[in-house]
Protein backbone atom coordinates (compact mmCIF):
# COMPACT_ATOMS: atom_id res chain seq x y z
CA MET A 1 0.00 0.00 0.00
CA LEU A 2 1.33 3.45 -0.93
CA ARG A 3 0.54 6.91 0.29
CA SER A 4 2.69 9.80 -0.79
CA HIS A 5 2.33 13.52 -1.18
CA ALA A 6 4.45 16.62 -1.48
CA SER A 7 3.86 19.90 0.26
CA ASN A 8 3.78 23.23 -1.50
CA MET A 9 7.00 25.17 -1.39
CA LEU A 10 7.24 26.91 1.98
CA ASN A 11 10.27 29.01 2.84
CA LYS A 12 12.01 27.60 -0.25
CA THR A 13 11.87 24.09 1.19
CA ILE A 14 10.15 21.06 -0.31
CA GLN A 15 8.80 18.28 1.89
CA ILE A 16 7.91 14.86 0.50
CA ASP A 17 6.63 11.90 2.50
CA GLY A 18 5.16 8.49 1.95
CA ASP A 19 4.72 5.03 3.35
CA TYR A 20 4.61 1.45 2.13
CA THR A 21 3.69 -1.90 3.60
CA ILE A 22 6.26 -4.51 2.57
CA SER A 23 5.89 -8.29 2.87
CA HIS A 24 9.41 -8.88 4.17
CA SER A 25 11.14 -8.63 7.52
CA ARG A 26 12.56 -5.31 8.64
CA ASN A 27 16.10 -6.72 8.59
CA TYR A 28 15.69 -7.93 5.01
CA VAL A 29 14.34 -4.54 3.86
CA TRP A 30 17.18 -2.78 5.71
CA GLU A 31 19.76 -4.98 3.99
CA LYS A 32 18.28 -4.26 0.54
CA LEU A 33 18.10 -0.49 1.20
CA ASN A 34 21.87 -0.62 1.72
CA ASP A 35 22.72 -2.64 -1.39
CA PRO A 36 24.28 -0.38 -4.07
CA LYS A 37 23.26 -2.70 -6.93
CA ILE A 38 19.63 -2.68 -5.88
CA LEU A 39 19.68 1.07 -5.31
CA ALA A 40 21.15 1.67 -8.78
CA SER A 41 18.54 -0.57 -10.42
CA CYS A 42 15.68 1.25 -8.66
CA ILE A 43 16.80 4.83 -9.38
CA THR A 44 15.61 6.10 -12.76
CA GLY A 45 18.45 7.56 -14.81
CA CYS A 46 21.13 6.23 -12.45
CA THR A 47 24.53 5.74 -14.02
CA TYR A 48 25.99 4.15 -10.91
CA VAL A 49 25.87 3.92 -7.14
CA GLU A 50 29.04 3.25 -5.20
CA ARG A 51 29.49 2.71 -1.46
CA THR A 52 32.56 4.74 -0.52
CA SER A 53 32.44 3.93 3.21
CA PRO A 54 30.08 2.19 5.63
CA THR A 55 28.12 5.44 5.91
CA ASN A 56 28.55 7.05 2.46
CA PHE A 57 27.32 6.44 -1.08
CA LYS A 58 28.10 8.36 -4.26
CA ALA A 59 25.89 8.26 -7.34
CA VAL A 60 25.35 9.95 -10.69
CA ILE A 61 21.83 10.42 -12.01
CA ARG A 62 20.69 11.91 -15.30
CA ALA A 63 17.54 14.00 -14.87
CA HIS A 64 15.42 16.53 -16.71
CA ILE A 65 14.26 19.65 -14.91
CA GLY A 66 12.16 21.65 -17.31
CA ASP A 67 14.23 22.01 -20.47
CA ILE A 68 17.47 21.18 -18.66
CA LYS A 69 18.96 17.71 -19.09
CA LYS A 70 21.83 17.25 -16.68
CA ASP A 71 23.93 14.66 -14.87
CA PHE A 72 23.68 15.20 -11.14
CA SER A 73 26.41 14.03 -8.76
CA ILE A 74 24.90 12.83 -5.51
CA ASN A 75 26.60 12.31 -2.18
CA LEU A 76 24.59 10.41 0.46
CA ASP A 77 25.66 10.29 4.09
CA VAL A 78 23.86 7.67 6.15
CA ASP A 79 23.31 8.01 9.90
CA ASP A 80 22.35 4.48 10.91
CA GLN A 81 22.65 4.76 14.69
CA HIS A 82 19.19 3.25 15.09
CA ALA A 83 19.56 0.46 12.51
CA PRO A 84 17.50 -1.38 11.41
CA ALA A 85 14.57 0.65 12.77
CA GLN A 86 15.53 4.07 11.43
CA PHE A 87 18.15 5.97 9.48
CA THR A 88 18.73 9.48 8.25
CA LEU A 89 20.11 10.27 4.81
CA GLY A 90 21.88 13.57 4.28
CA THR A 91 22.07 14.36 0.58
CA VAL A 92 23.96 16.89 -1.51
CA VAL A 93 23.10 17.01 -5.22
CA SER A 94 25.57 18.97 -7.34
CA ALA A 95 24.76 20.24 -10.82
CA GLY A 96 27.80 22.35 -11.57
CA LEU A 97 26.89 25.92 -12.54
CA LEU A 98 23.21 25.18 -11.92
CA GLY A 99 23.84 25.06 -8.18
CA LYS A 100 23.13 22.54 -5.48
CA ALA A 101 20.22 20.96 -3.70
CA GLN A 102 20.58 19.68 -0.17
CA GLY A 103 18.21 17.28 1.41
CA GLN A 104 17.57 15.10 4.37
CA ALA A 105 15.38 12.04 4.60
CA GLU A 106 14.21 10.22 7.69
CA VAL A 107 13.38 6.59 6.90
CA ASP A 108 11.59 4.42 9.47
CA LEU A 109 11.12 0.66 9.23
CA GLU A 110 8.52 -0.63 11.68
CA VAL A 111 7.74 -4.31 12.25
CA THR A 112 4.01 -4.74 11.61
CA GLY A 113 3.77 -8.54 11.65
CA ASP A 114 5.62 -11.74 10.87
CA GLU A 115 7.71 -11.05 7.75
CA GLN A 116 6.05 -7.67 7.26
CA CYS A 117 7.14 -4.10 7.90
CA ALA A 118 6.04 -0.55 7.22
CA LEU A 119 8.49 1.76 5.47
CA ARG A 120 7.86 5.46 6.08
CA TYR A 121 9.90 8.40 4.85
CA VAL A 122 9.90 12.17 5.20
CA ALA A 123 12.32 14.13 3.02
CA THR A 124 13.10 17.84 2.87
CA ILE A 125 14.95 19.53 0.02
CA LYS A 126 16.49 23.02 -0.22
CA GLY A 127 18.11 24.44 -3.33
CA SER A 128 20.65 27.12 -4.18
CA GLY A 129 21.61 28.83 -7.42
CA VAL A 130 19.41 28.05 -10.42
CA LEU A 131 18.21 24.91 -8.64
CA GLY A 132 17.02 27.02 -5.73
CA GLN A 133 15.09 29.32 -8.06
CA ALA A 134 13.54 26.29 -9.76
CA LEU A 135 12.18 24.66 -6.58
CA PRO A 136 8.65 24.31 -8.00
CA LEU A 137 10.12 22.24 -10.86
CA ILE A 138 12.40 20.34 -8.49
CA ASP A 139 9.35 19.57 -6.34
CA GLY A 140 7.67 17.72 -9.20
CA VAL A 141 10.82 15.93 -10.31
CA ALA A 142 11.80 14.95 -6.76
CA ARG A 143 8.31 13.64 -5.99
CA ARG A 144 8.19 11.58 -9.20
CA ARG A 145 11.71 10.26 -8.59
CA MET A 146 10.95 9.25 -5.00
CA LEU A 147 7.69 7.56 -5.94
CA ASP A 148 9.40 5.80 -8.84
CA PHE A 149 12.30 4.68 -6.60
CA PHE A 150 10.10 3.27 -3.85
CA ASN A 151 7.69 1.64 -6.32
CA LYS A 152 10.61 -0.10 -8.06
CA PHE A 153 12.21 -0.99 -4.71
CA VAL A 154 9.02 -2.55 -3.33
CA GLU A 155 8.39 -4.33 -6.65
CA HIS A 156 11.94 -5.70 -6.56
CA LEU A 157 11.40 -7.00 -3.00
CA GLU A 158 8.04 -8.56 -3.88
CA ASP A 159 9.69 -10.40 -6.80
CA CYS A 160 12.33 -11.91 -4.48
């Protein structure tokens, strides 16, 4: 089951949240959320995802924002102090002269039954430079990308 929505731009910040019910154990879902190959296969336009340390991933994603088609370098820092129940992702997306977008996502995995868990996320995004001025466009792209990622991720898990 999916529920997701994005808030209107307030104070130049976007907020996106959603939740899923997944027919796998929390530990299994946690393991798959930390697998670079699975992440790369679930992210539309992803060139690669690489784990650079136990708490850091780097990725490159090709995206369209309005008429702009650009490769975005992404740095993800993972705070997994409360693994496997919760983690925080700090994200910096760089687009060269177009500026940067910074985000943070709180992801919760709650056991809801035998071999079942609820995945909930709340993400906030702030932009600078041209990306900051284009937050309404980023809102739509970010929402579609998150929905697409989680739909593919859950589909991948259900196929396993």
